[in-house]
Amino acid sequence: MKIIAIEHEVNGVTPDDFRQYLKEEALAVYGLCQRGEIREIYFRADRDEAVLVLECESVNEANMVLATLPLVKQGLIKFDLIPLRAYPGFSRLFKKS
């Protein structure tokens, strides 16, 4: 199942709170990409928050995957998760009238 994860910083954190964990975070994200759990990762153009596309069996599994990230472990970020399903509309093109 594809799941979109939208990052949000936790209220009250400062850029200094992140600095010591950023290299460890990048390494962890790289590992999840190599394992195929993170399929795509972006930063929003309007603010410094990540948007990830995960491939997991469930939203619960996606939560467990994201919980391994150092910035999540430190309580600096959290994610909103949106499960996706395939668009069914194309079938309308092939229905007989």
PDB file of N, CA and C in Angstrom:
ATOM      1  N   MET A   1       0.840  -1.169   0.000  1.00  0.00           N
ATOM      2  CA  MET A   1       0.000   0.000   0.000  1.00  0.00           C
ATOM      3  C   MET A   1       0.889   1.236   0.000  1.00  0.00           C
ATOM      4  N   LYS A   2       0.545   2.193  -0.840  1.00  0.00           N
ATOM      5  CA  LYS A   2       1.265   3.468  -0.839  1.00  0.00           C
ATOM      6  C   LYS A   2       0.663   4.367   0.239  1.00  0.00           C
ATOM      7  N   ILE A   3       1.533   5.026   0.955  1.00  0.00           N
ATOM      8  CA  ILE A   3       1.117   5.920   2.028  1.00  0.00           C
ATOM      9  C   ILE A   3       1.934   7.196   1.915  1.00  0.00           C
ATOM     10  N   ILE A   4       1.245   8.332   1.927  1.00  0.00           N
ATOM     11  CA  ILE A   4       1.931   9.618   1.953  1.00  0.00           C
ATOM     12  C   ILE A   4       2.106  10.028   3.400  1.00  0.00           C
ATOM     13  N   ALA A   5       3.311  10.450   3.742  1.00  0.00           N
ATOM     14  CA  ALA A   5       3.616  10.927   5.090  1.00  0.00           C
ATOM     15  C   ALA A   5       4.039  12.385   4.981  1.00  0.00           C
ATOM     16  N   ILE A   6       3.320  13.244   5.686  1.00  0.00           N
ATOM     17  CA  ILE A   6       3.611  14.673   5.666  1.00  0.00           C
ATOM     18  C   ILE A   6       4.173  15.062   7.030  1.00  0.00           C
ATOM     19  N   GLU A   7       5.398  15.556   7.009  1.00  0.00           N
ATOM     20  CA  GLU A   7       6.100  15.917   8.246  1.00  0.00           C
ATOM     21  C   GLU A   7       5.584  17.233   8.806  1.00  0.00           C
ATOM     22  N   HIS A   8       5.563  17.299  10.128  1.00  0.00           N
ATOM     23  CA  HIS A   8       5.278  18.542  10.845  1.00  0.00           C
ATOM     24  C   HIS A   8       6.241  18.634  12.009  1.00  0.00           C
ATOM     25  N   GLU A   9       6.819  19.811  12.187  1.00  0.00           N
ATOM     26  CA  GLU A   9       7.671  20.022  13.356  1.00  0.00           C
ATOM     27  C   GLU A   9       6.786  20.134  14.593  1.00  0.00           C
ATOM     28  N   VAL A  10       7.320  19.672  15.700  1.00  0.00           N
ATOM     29  CA  VAL A  10       6.624  19.763  16.972  1.00  0.00           C
ATOM     30  C   VAL A  10       6.765  21.199  17.489  1.00  0.00           C
ATOM     31  N   ASN A  11       5.694  21.723  18.047  1.00  0.00           N
ATOM     32  CA  ASN A  11       5.732  23.090  18.584  1.00  0.00           C
ATOM     33  C   ASN A  11       6.832  23.254  19.617  1.00  0.00           C
ATOM     34  N   GLY A  12       7.510  24.392  19.536  1.00  0.00           N
ATOM     35  CA  GLY A  12       8.521  24.734  20.532  1.00  0.00           C
ATOM     36  C   GLY A  12       9.932  24.299  20.201  1.00  0.00           C
ATOM     37  N   VAL A  13      10.140  23.581  19.100  1.00  0.00           N
ATOM     38  CA  VAL A  13      11.500  23.177  18.746  1.00  0.00           C
ATOM     39  C   VAL A  13      12.167  24.283  17.930  1.00  0.00           C
ATOM     40  N   THR A  14      13.473  24.329  18.020  1.00  0.00           N
ATOM     41  CA  THR A  14      14.244  25.340  17.292  1.00  0.00           C
ATOM     42  C   THR A  14      15.187  24.639  16.317  1.00  0.00           C
ATOM     43  N   PRO A  15      15.719  25.366  15.333  1.00  0.00           N
ATOM     44  CA  PRO A  15      16.680  24.751  14.412  1.00  0.00           C
ATOM     45  C   PRO A  15      17.873  24.125  15.148  1.00  0.00           C
ATOM     46  N   ASP A  16      18.296  24.706  16.236  1.00  0.00           N
ATOM     47  CA  ASP A  16      19.409  24.140  17.004  1.00  0.00           C
ATOM     48  C   ASP A  16      19.085  22.757  17.557  1.00  0.00           C
ATOM     49  N   ASP A  17      17.818  22.506  17.859  1.00  0.00           N
ATOM     50  CA  ASP A  17      17.421  21.199  18.392  1.00  0.00           C
ATOM     51  C   ASP A  17      17.671  20.078  17.383  1.00  0.00           C
ATOM     52  N   PHE A  18      17.666  20.418  16.096  1.00  0.00           N
ATOM     53  CA  PHE A  18      17.794  19.430  15.027  1.00  0.00           C
ATOM     54  C   PHE A  18      19.243  19.096  14.669  1.00  0.00           C
ATOM     55  N   ARG A  19      20.115  20.070  14.793  1.00  0.00           N
ATOM     56  CA  ARG A  19      21.459  19.988  14.193  1.00  0.00           C
ATOM     57  C   ARG A  19      22.209  18.689  14.489  1.00  0.00           C
ATOM     58  N   GLN A  20      22.246  18.274  15.718  1.00  0.00           N
ATOM     59  CA  GLN A  20      23.073  17.113  16.067  1.00  0.00           C
ATOM     60  C   GLN A  20      22.522  15.796  15.514  1.00  0.00           C
ATOM     61  N   TYR A  21      21.277  15.797  15.028  1.00  0.00           N
ATOM     62  CA  TYR A  21      20.659  14.562  14.550  1.00  0.00           C
ATOM     63  C   TYR A  21      20.535  14.485  13.024  1.00  0.00           C
ATOM     64  N   LEU A  22      20.892  15.545  12.310  1.00  0.00           N
ATOM     65  CA  LEU A  22      20.599  15.592  10.875  1.00  0.00           C
ATOM     66  C   LEU A  22      21.374  14.572  10.057  1.00  0.00           C
ATOM     67  N   LYS A  23      22.635  14.343  10.366  1.00  0.00           N
ATOM     68  CA  LYS A  23      23.398  13.334   9.619  1.00  0.00           C
ATOM     69  C   LYS A  23      22.847  11.933   9.908  1.00  0.00           C
ATOM     70  N   GLU A  24      22.542  11.654  11.157  1.00  0.00           N
ATOM     71  CA  GLU A  24      21.962  10.366  11.540  1.00  0.00           C
ATOM     72  C   GLU A  24      20.595  10.170  10.861  1.00  0.00           C
ATOM     73  N   GLU A  25      19.826  11.252  10.767  1.00  0.00           N
ATOM     74  CA  GLU A  25      18.521  11.192  10.097  1.00  0.00           C
ATOM     75  C   GLU A  25      18.698  10.848   8.616  1.00  0.00           C
ATOM     76  N   ALA A  26      19.634  11.520   7.958  1.00  0.00           N
ATOM     77  CA  ALA A  26      19.878  11.256   6.534  1.00  0.00           C
ATOM     78  C   ALA A  26      20.291   9.803   6.320  1.00  0.00           C
ATOM     79  N   LEU A  27      21.131   9.280   7.191  1.00  0.00           N
ATOM     80  CA  LEU A  27      21.559   7.879   7.087  1.00  0.00           C
ATOM     81  C   LEU A  27      20.379   6.928   7.274  1.00  0.00           C
ATOM     82  N   ALA A  28      19.517   7.220   8.229  1.00  0.00           N
ATOM     83  CA  ALA A  28      18.343   6.375   8.466  1.00  0.00           C
ATOM     84  C   ALA A  28      17.391   6.415   7.273  1.00  0.00           C
ATOM     85  N   VAL A  29      17.151   7.603   6.715  1.00  0.00           N
ATOM     86  CA  VAL A  29      16.282   7.733   5.539  1.00  0.00           C
ATOM     87  C   VAL A  29      16.883   6.970   4.365  1.00  0.00           C
ATOM     88  N   TYR A  30      18.189   7.081   4.179  1.00  0.00           N
ATOM     89  CA  TYR A  30      18.861   6.347   3.110  1.00  0.00           C
ATOM     90  C   TYR A  30      18.618   4.835   3.261  1.00  0.00           C
ATOM     91  N   GLY A  31      18.759   4.329   4.468  1.00  0.00           N
ATOM     92  CA  GLY A  31      18.533   2.906   4.715  1.00  0.00           C
ATOM     93  C   GLY A  31      17.107   2.486   4.389  1.00  0.00           C
ATOM     94  N   LEU A  32      16.129   3.311   4.766  1.00  0.00           N
ATOM     95  CA  LEU A  32      14.731   2.994   4.472  1.00  0.00           C
ATOM     96  C   LEU A  32      14.452   3.058   2.972  1.00  0.00           C
ATOM     97  N   CYS A  33      15.132   3.952   2.272  1.00  0.00           N
ATOM     98  CA  CYS A  33      15.010   4.002   0.809  1.00  0.00           C
ATOM     99  C   CYS A  33      15.605   2.742   0.187  1.00  0.00           C
ATOM    100  N   GLN A  34      16.743   2.320   0.674  1.00  0.00           N
ATOM    101  CA  GLN A  34      17.396   1.127   0.137  1.00  0.00           C
ATOM    102  C   GLN A  34      16.563  -0.128   0.376  1.00  0.00           C
ATOM    103  N   ARG A  35      15.814  -0.157   1.476  1.00  0.00           N
ATOM    104  CA  ARG A  35      14.949  -1.305   1.781  1.00  0.00           C
ATOM    105  C   ARG A  35      13.612  -1.226   1.054  1.00  0.00           C
ATOM    106  N   GLY A  36      13.337  -0.102   0.386  1.00  0.00           N
ATOM    107  CA  GLY A  36      12.098   0.045  -0.367  1.00  0.00           C
ATOM    108  C   GLY A  36      10.911   0.502   0.451  1.00  0.00           C
ATOM    109  N   GLU A  37      11.132   0.841   1.702  1.00  0.00           N
ATOM    110  CA  GLU A  37      10.019   1.308   2.530  1.00  0.00           C
ATOM    111  C   GLU A  37       9.703   2.776   2.243  1.00  0.00           C
ATOM    112  N   ILE A  38      10.723   3.576   2.005  1.00  0.00           N
ATOM    113  CA  ILE A  38      10.512   4.923   1.488  1.00  0.00           C
ATOM    114  C   ILE A  38      10.791   4.853  -0.005  1.00  0.00           C
ATOM    115  N   ARG A  39       9.776   5.167  -0.804  1.00  0.00           N
ATOM    116  CA  ARG A  39       9.912   5.100  -2.252  1.00  0.00           C
ATOM    117  C   ARG A  39      10.309   6.444  -2.846  1.00  0.00           C
ATOM    118  N   GLU A  40       9.825   7.522  -2.238  1.00  0.00           N
ATOM    119  CA  GLU A  40      10.129   8.873  -2.718  1.00  0.00           C
ATOM    120  C   GLU A  40      10.200   9.783  -1.500  1.00  0.00           C
ATOM    121  N   ILE A  41      11.019  10.826  -1.607  1.00  0.00           N
ATOM    122  CA  ILE A  41      11.096  11.811  -0.528  1.00  0.00           C
ATOM    123  C   ILE A  41      11.359  13.182  -1.140  1.00  0.00           C
ATOM    124  N   TYR A  42      10.652  14.151  -0.615  1.00  0.00           N
ATOM    125  CA  TYR A  42      10.729  15.524  -1.100  1.00  0.00           C
ATOM    126  C   TYR A  42      10.711  16.473   0.086  1.00  0.00           C
ATOM    127  N   PHE A  43      11.078  17.728  -0.179  1.00  0.00           N
ATOM    128  CA  PHE A  43      10.803  18.812   0.756  1.00  0.00           C
ATOM    129  C   PHE A  43       9.771  19.704   0.113  1.00  0.00           C
ATOM    130  N   ARG A  44       8.853  20.201   0.913  1.00  0.00           N
ATOM    131  CA  ARG A  44       7.877  21.146   0.407  1.00  0.00           C
ATOM    132  C   ARG A  44       8.593  22.397  -0.074  1.00  0.00           C
ATOM    133  N   ALA A  45       8.096  23.012  -1.125  1.00  0.00           N
ATOM    134  CA  ALA A  45       8.705  24.227  -1.655  1.00  0.00           C
ATOM    135  C   ALA A  45       8.396  25.442  -0.789  1.00  0.00           C
ATOM    136  N   ASP A  46       7.317  25.361  -0.007  1.00  0.00           N
ATOM    137  CA  ASP A  46       6.895  26.514   0.778  1.00  0.00           C
ATOM    138  C   ASP A  46       7.364  26.501   2.234  1.00  0.00           C
ATOM    139  N   ARG A  47       7.942  25.390   2.691  1.00  0.00           N
ATOM    140  CA  ARG A  47       8.508  25.319   4.051  1.00  0.00           C
ATOM    141  C   ARG A  47       9.390  24.084   4.169  1.00  0.00           C
ATOM    142  N   ASP A  48      10.227  24.065   5.171  1.00  0.00           N
ATOM    143  CA  ASP A  48      11.184  22.965   5.353  1.00  0.00           C
ATOM    144  C   ASP A  48      10.538  21.784   6.071  1.00  0.00           C
ATOM    145  N   GLU A  49       9.629  21.129   5.377  1.00  0.00           N
ATOM    146  CA  GLU A  49       9.007  19.925   5.891  1.00  0.00           C
ATOM    147  C   GLU A  49       9.012  18.876   4.792  1.00  0.00           C
ATOM    148  N   ALA A  50       9.281  17.655   5.183  1.00  0.00           N
ATOM    149  CA  ALA A  50       9.397  16.561   4.214  1.00  0.00           C
ATOM    150  C   ALA A  50       8.037  15.971   3.875  1.00  0.00           C
ATOM    151  N   VAL A  51       7.966  15.440   2.666  1.00  0.00           N
ATOM    152  CA  VAL A  51       6.817  14.659   2.210  1.00  0.00           C
ATOM    153  C   VAL A  51       7.389  13.356   1.666  1.00  0.00           C
ATOM    154  N   LEU A  52       6.952  12.252   2.237  1.00  0.00           N
ATOM    155  CA  LEU A  52       7.469  10.941   1.861  1.00  0.00           C
ATOM    156  C   LEU A  52       6.368  10.101   1.241  1.00  0.00           C
ATOM    157  N   VAL A  53       6.744   9.247   0.318  1.00  0.00           N
ATOM    158  CA  VAL A  53       5.851   8.216  -0.194  1.00  0.00           C
ATOM    159  C   VAL A  53       6.425   6.896   0.288  1.00  0.00           C
ATOM    160  N   LEU A  54       5.655   6.203   1.112  1.00  0.00           N
ATOM    161  CA  LEU A  54       6.091   4.927   1.669  1.00  0.00           C
ATOM    162  C   LEU A  54       5.364   3.777   0.999  1.00  0.00           C
ATOM    163  N   GLU A  55       5.979   2.615   1.018  1.00  0.00           N
ATOM    164  CA  GLU A  55       5.355   1.381   0.560  1.00  0.00           C
ATOM    165  C   GLU A  55       5.342   0.446   1.759  1.00  0.00           C
ATOM    166  N   CYS A  56       4.159   0.292   2.362  1.00  0.00           N
ATOM    167  CA  CYS A  56       4.004  -0.523   3.569  1.00  0.00           C
ATOM    168  C   CYS A  56       2.711  -1.317   3.478  1.00  0.00           C
ATOM    169  N   GLU A  57       2.590  -2.329   4.304  1.00  0.00           N
ATOM    170  CA  GLU A  57       1.380  -3.152   4.317  1.00  0.00           C
ATOM    171  C   GLU A  57       0.194  -2.416   4.921  1.00  0.00           C
ATOM    172  N   SER A  58       0.458  -1.444   5.806  1.00  0.00           N
ATOM    173  CA  SER A  58      -0.631  -0.762   6.504  1.00  0.00           C
ATOM    174  C   SER A  58      -0.135   0.581   7.043  1.00  0.00           C
ATOM    175  N   VAL A  59      -1.068   1.393   7.493  1.00  0.00           N
ATOM    176  CA  VAL A  59      -0.714   2.653   8.149  1.00  0.00           C
ATOM    177  C   VAL A  59       0.043   2.363   9.436  1.00  0.00           C
ATOM    178  N   ASN A  60      -0.351   1.316  10.138  1.00  0.00           N
ATOM    179  CA  ASN A  60       0.349   0.940  11.362  1.00  0.00           C
ATOM    180  C   ASN A  60       1.817   0.622  11.079  1.00  0.00           C
ATOM    181  N   GLU A  61       2.077  -0.136  10.012  1.00  0.00           N
ATOM    182  CA  GLU A  61       3.461  -0.445   9.645  1.00  0.00           C
ATOM    183  C   GLU A  61       4.217   0.834   9.283  1.00  0.00           C
ATOM    184  N   ALA A  62       3.563   1.742   8.565  1.00  0.00           N
ATOM    185  CA  ALA A  62       4.202   3.014   8.208  1.00  0.00           C
ATOM    186  C   ALA A  62       4.576   3.795   9.460  1.00  0.00           C
ATOM    187  N   ASN A  63       3.698   3.802  10.450  1.00  0.00           N
ATOM    188  CA  ASN A  63       4.014   4.463  11.729  1.00  0.00           C
ATOM    189  C   ASN A  63       5.233   3.843  12.383  1.00  0.00           C
ATOM    190  N   MET A  64       5.330   2.520  12.339  1.00  0.00           N
ATOM    191  CA  MET A  64       6.480   1.837  12.942  1.00  0.00           C
ATOM    192  C   MET A  64       7.770   2.174  12.192  1.00  0.00           C
ATOM    193  N   VAL A  65       7.696   2.246  10.862  1.00  0.00           N
ATOM    194  CA  VAL A  65       8.866   2.603  10.052  1.00  0.00           C
ATOM    195  C   VAL A  65       9.326   4.014  10.408  1.00  0.00           C
ATOM    196  N   LEU A  66       8.397   4.952  10.420  1.00  0.00           N
ATOM    197  CA  LEU A  66       8.746   6.349  10.708  1.00  0.00           C
ATOM    198  C   LEU A  66       9.247   6.525  12.136  1.00  0.00           C
ATOM    199  N   ALA A  67       8.788   5.692  13.053  1.00  0.00           N
ATOM    200  CA  ALA A  67       9.233   5.770  14.451  1.00  0.00           C
ATOM    201  C   ALA A  67      10.711   5.443  14.606  1.00  0.00           C
ATOM    202  N   THR A  68      11.322   4.828  13.582  1.00  0.00           N
ATOM    203  CA  THR A  68      12.748   4.514  13.654  1.00  0.00           C
ATOM    204  C   THR A  68      13.628   5.715  13.323  1.00  0.00           C
ATOM    205  N   LEU A  69      13.037   6.776  12.785  1.00  0.00           N
ATOM    206  CA  LEU A  69      13.821   7.952  12.397  1.00  0.00           C
ATOM    207  C   LEU A  69      14.282   8.730  13.633  1.00  0.00           C
ATOM    208  N   PRO A  70      15.535   9.141  13.657  1.00  0.00           N
ATOM    209  CA  PRO A  70      16.070   9.856  14.818  1.00  0.00           C
ATOM    210  C   PRO A  70      15.282  11.108  15.208  1.00  0.00           C
ATOM    211  N   LEU A  71      14.808  11.876  14.226  1.00  0.00           N
ATOM    212  CA  LEU A  71      14.064  13.095  14.570  1.00  0.00           C
ATOM    213  C   LEU A  71      12.713  12.779  15.193  1.00  0.00           C
ATOM    214  N   VAL A  72      12.130  11.647  14.817  1.00  0.00           N
ATOM    215  CA  VAL A  72      10.889  11.193  15.453  1.00  0.00           C
ATOM    216  C   VAL A  72      11.202  10.694  16.856  1.00  0.00           C
ATOM    217  N   LYS A  73      12.247   9.886  16.986  1.00  0.00           N
ATOM    218  CA  LYS A  73      12.638   9.369  18.305  1.00  0.00           C
ATOM    219  C   LYS A  73      12.903  10.489  19.303  1.00  0.00           C
ATOM    220  N   GLN A  74      13.472  11.591  18.821  1.00  0.00           N
ATOM    221  CA  GLN A  74      13.796  12.724  19.694  1.00  0.00           C
ATOM    222  C   GLN A  74      12.587  13.638  19.939  1.00  0.00           C
ATOM    223  N   GLY A  75      11.468  13.328  19.316  1.00  0.00           N
ATOM    224  CA  GLY A  75      10.262  14.120  19.511  1.00  0.00           C
ATOM    225  C   GLY A  75      10.292  15.473  18.820  1.00  0.00           C
ATOM    226  N   LEU A  76      11.101  15.588  17.757  1.00  0.00           N
ATOM    227  CA  LEU A  76      11.237  16.861  17.055  1.00  0.00           C
ATOM    228  C   LEU A  76      10.260  17.007  15.889  1.00  0.00           C
ATOM    229  N   ILE A  77       9.848  15.880  15.308  1.00  0.00           N
ATOM    230  CA  ILE A  77       8.900  15.906  14.197  1.00  0.00           C
ATOM    231  C   ILE A  77       7.869  14.813  14.406  1.00  0.00           C
ATOM    232  N   LYS A  78       6.754  14.971  13.694  1.00  0.00           N
ATOM    233  CA  LYS A  78       5.722  13.937  13.628  1.00  0.00           C
ATOM    234  C   LYS A  78       5.190  13.925  12.205  1.00  0.00           C
ATOM    235  N   PHE A  79       4.399  12.947  11.881  1.00  0.00           N
ATOM    236  CA  PHE A  79       3.886  12.794  10.527  1.00  0.00           C
ATOM    237  C   PHE A  79       2.377  12.593  10.531  1.00  0.00           C
ATOM    238  N   ASP A  80       1.725  13.187   9.542  1.00  0.00           N
ATOM    239  CA  ASP A  80       0.350  12.839   9.197  1.00  0.00           C
ATOM    240  C   ASP A  80       0.451  11.805   8.088  1.00  0.00           C
ATOM    241  N   LEU A  81      -0.304  10.714   8.212  1.00  0.00           N
ATOM    242  CA  LEU A  81      -0.252   9.640   7.218  1.00  0.00           C
ATOM    243  C   LEU A  81      -1.554   9.580   6.439  1.00  0.00           C
ATOM    244  N   ILE A  82      -1.417   9.435   5.125  1.00  0.00           N
ATOM    245  CA  ILE A  82      -2.566   9.358   4.233  1.00  0.00           C
ATOM    246  C   ILE A  82      -2.423   8.093   3.391  1.00  0.00           C
ATOM    247  N   PRO A  83      -3.259   7.065   3.645  1.00  0.00           N
ATOM    248  CA  PRO A  83      -3.203   5.860   2.813  1.00  0.00           C
ATOM    249  C   PRO A  83      -3.828   6.135   1.450  1.00  0.00           C
ATOM    250  N   LEU A  84      -3.259   5.546   0.414  1.00  0.00           N
ATOM    251  CA  LEU A  84      -3.742   5.747  -0.949  1.00  0.00           C
ATOM    252  C   LEU A  84      -4.246   4.438  -1.533  1.00  0.00           C
ATOM    253  N   ARG A  85      -5.121   4.567  -2.506  1.00  0.00           N
ATOM    254  CA  ARG A  85      -5.562   3.417  -3.300  1.00  0.00           C
ATOM    255  C   ARG A  85      -5.547   3.839  -4.755  1.00  0.00           C
ATOM    256  N   ALA A  86      -5.567   2.897  -5.627  1.00  0.00           N
ATOM    257  CA  ALA A  86      -5.514   3.195  -7.058  1.00  0.00           C
ATOM    258  C   ALA A  86      -6.757   3.970  -7.488  1.00  0.00           C
ATOM    259  N   TYR A  87      -6.586   4.855  -8.429  1.00  0.00           N
ATOM    260  CA  TYR A  87      -7.692   5.636  -8.990  1.00  0.00           C
ATOM    261  C   TYR A  87      -8.578   4.709  -9.811  1.00  0.00           C
ATOM    262  N   PRO A  88      -9.884   4.626  -9.487  1.00  0.00           N
ATOM    263  CA  PRO A  88     -10.761   3.697 -10.203  1.00  0.00           C
ATOM    264  C   PRO A  88     -11.451   4.303 -11.421  1.00  0.00           C
ATOM    265  N   GLY A  89     -11.282   5.582 -11.676  1.00  0.00           N
ATOM    266  CA  GLY A  89     -12.047   6.275 -12.696  1.00  0.00           C
ATOM    267  C   GLY A  89     -11.812   5.836 -14.132  1.00  0.00           C
ATOM    268  N   PHE A  90     -10.648   5.300 -14.423  1.00  0.00           N
ATOM    269  CA  PHE A  90     -10.380   4.899 -15.803  1.00  0.00           C
ATOM    270  C   PHE A  90     -11.316   3.796 -16.280  1.00  0.00           C
ATOM    271  N   SER A  91     -11.841   2.994 -15.368  1.00  0.00           N
ATOM    272  CA  SER A  91     -12.745   1.931 -15.780  1.00  0.00           C
ATOM    273  C   SER A  91     -13.988   2.494 -16.468  1.00  0.00           C
ATOM    274  N   ARG A  92     -14.340   3.737 -16.174  1.00  0.00           N
ATOM    275  CA  ARG A  92     -15.497   4.374 -16.813  1.00  0.00           C
ATOM    276  C   ARG A  92     -15.285   4.538 -18.312  1.00  0.00           C
ATOM    277  N   LEU A  93     -14.046   4.614 -18.727  1.00  0.00           N
ATOM    278  CA  LEU A  93     -13.741   4.789 -20.143  1.00  0.00           C
ATOM    279  C   LEU A  93     -14.074   3.560 -20.972  1.00  0.00           C
ATOM    280  N   PHE A  94     -14.154   2.401 -20.330  1.00  0.00           N
ATOM    281  CA  PHE A  94     -14.300   1.152 -21.052  1.00  0.00           C
ATOM    282  C   PHE A  94     -15.633   0.460 -20.786  1.00  0.00           C
ATOM    283  N   LYS A  95     -16.519   1.113 -20.045  1.00  0.00           N
ATOM    284  CA  LYS A  95     -17.840   0.542 -19.789  1.00  0.00           C
ATOM    285  C   LYS A  95     -18.700   0.718 -21.040  1.00  0.00           C
ATOM    286  N   LYS A  96     -19.455  -0.314 -21.333  1.00  0.00           N
ATOM    287  CA  LYS A  96     -20.378  -0.233 -22.458  1.00  0.00           C
ATOM    288  C   LYS A  96     -21.599   0.560 -22.021  1.00  0.00           C
ATOM    289  N   SER A  97     -22.039   1.434 -22.903  1.00  0.00           N
ATOM    290  CA  SER A  97     -23.214   2.284 -22.589  1.00  0.00           C
ATOM    291  C   SER A  97     -24.500   1.519 -22.653  1.00  0.00           C
TER     292      SER A  97
END
